[in-house]
Amino acid sequence: MTMPLDRPAGGHVHGLTSPHTADRDVALLRRHAPTLVLDAREMFRPTEVDGFVAASQLWDRSGVDLGPITTAGLDDRWAPGTYLQFVDDHDRRSLGRDDIRSARRHLAVPRLGRVGLFGRFLDALFQLSVWIRPTTPRRTTAAASDKAQRLELQTHPVCYGRVVRAGEWLVLHYSYFYVMNDWRTSYRGLNDHEADWEQAWVFCDPADESPQWVATSSHDHSGAELRRHWTDPELLIQRTHPTLFVGAGSHALFFRPGDYVTRIDVPGLRWALRARQSIRRLLGIDASATERGLGPALGVAFIDSAGADGDTIDSWEIRPTDDTVWIEQYRGLWGADTGDPLQGERGPSGPKFNRNGSVRTSWADPLGFAGLHGTPPPSAAAMRINRDKLDRVVQELDEQIRHQARLLPLAERADSPRDTSAESSELTALLRQRCELEDLGRRIDRGDRPQLRIREHLRQPAVPIRPGSGWVLAAWSALSIPVLLAAIAAVLLLETVRVEVAAAVLLLVGTPVEYVARREWGAVARLVVAETLLVAFFVFAFGVVLGAGLYALGAVFLAGSAVLLVANTVELRSIAVARRDR
């Protein structure tokens, strides 16, 4: 084991073998190490792995106990089927009532009202699945917390770091280890599992080592949505350190405090979700009333509560991971393997490997993980663009424009004229591109540096959801799915109720009630009018055949009068307000 280097203020450095390069890398890691802000209810802290491993047993997937081990022994001998187990049955049975009571956590806000009916329906299916699939045993969270305290594993925060030269970027990669992910049992989240790894990246310009981008890990997501520019107002910077907010239990990292809805992107449901968004826009209903920032993804009632009311960790013991055996070679799991077919309750793999033993994209290609391929650092971008290169590009573009312009008259004068709209559109696109290049040329002549659009890459960024509307919404969100399931059961069991009629009634009644509970009165009014017109249309369509067309027609006129009454009342109220303000 190598001796520690000198300890600069703010942390310790371990295990470096190349003093000159290592010292510089560690200084850079320390300079921009993120500050983590925990939720006040959080039981677990970023810690070192040595004590955790020493207190664990190594197991094979076949159930063979391979005995205790240390981090030095976590090497390439162990296949992906092995795993560490920190808490055993003895630890769970040894808990006292006070230990169990102290580990209980209460939800800060009602969670079910944060998503719509369909999201709550998926939550109901998930809650039922917990009873039939292998999951982390009860009291594991309390036992893990008690054991970590007894072994003093969380006395000081530890961060594992490395510096990577990736493409044209200098990447600072930070990894945080937690004893337990208790998101499900403590905060009604998606999963529980022993051990937890989270990561963050700071992308620097190698020319002057200036930070440009920050990216974070958030469950299994990847891509450009996970990064923010250093100058983005959404990213909080304290001196030279970005501030990140930690989700309670899940330890997912966010740029702003708040409650975040878990997003599930189901390709087969995108069309339905886009149709729902279109209907909302057509009816003038705020799409953010229930789910914000979801896009064509489904919001489910697993809330990441990233509060700003807990401990702030801004002083780290930084341990480099270069040539560290357990980082570079161990492909097993870091927590108990429950065999959960949905994967969520299995122990996690380490920062480098996936559960199947393959190398993580976030480790091998951090630029690709953060969607930074094709985005050069400022120094490289400035070198790429000069007047000579731009003039050559413009000349090539002019040749394409002349060629395309010559083709259009020939196509129109041919013996069998054809549609030239595609060629015309292509010529327009080329001319537009040339205009943009001319603007760029003028900026280069003035000495202006190209401006980076720091939020252009964000399509559906995660944003905190709005607070609920009180206990009425909480009660409705808790009762709606049980009532719906009971109604479905009644339809199936009672032969006197027609299925199609019952389904229509549930849809037409349930949707407005949802918005009543949210106190979205404008949405309620629009939905009632829309549903009245819809029912009238179908009654009229079938009523003509059944001889009830007059009643349907009367319903149409009645709905029309209601729409006019509402519109005219709003107009009169607007006039009255304007007169009062004069």
Foldseek 3Di string as FASTA:
>chain_A
DDDWDDADPQATEDDDDPVPVVVVFVVLCLLAPAKEFEDALALKAFFDCFLQQQQKWKAFLVGDTPGGDGLVPQFQVDALRMEIANDDPVLQVPDDPVLVVSNAADAPAQQLLLADPVQLLVLVVLVVVPVPFFFDDPSPSSSLSVVCVVSVRPVAHAKEWDWDCADQKIKIKIKTKIQWQPLCRHPVARGIWGMDMWMKMFIARVVVRQTFKIFTDAPPAFEQLRMFTPPPPLWDDDNNYTYWFAFRRNRGTDRDFFKFFDWAADPVCLVVQVVVVVVCVVLVHPPLLRHALHRSTHTHRGIGGRDNPHDMDSRHHYYYCVPRRNQPGRNYFHHDARVGPVPRRGGAGDQAAGSNGHGDCCVPPVCVRNVNVVPHDQVVQVVVDDLVVLVVVLVVLVVVLVVLVVVVVVQCPDPDHDDCVVSVVVSVVSVVVSVVSVVVNVCVVVVHRDDDPRCPRHDRHIDHGDHADPVLSSVCSVCVVVVVVVLVVCPVVDVVDDPVVSVLVCVLPVVLVSVVSRVVVSSNLSSNLVVLCVVLVVCCVVCVVVVNNVVSVVSNVVSVVVVVVVVVVVVVVVVVVVVVVD
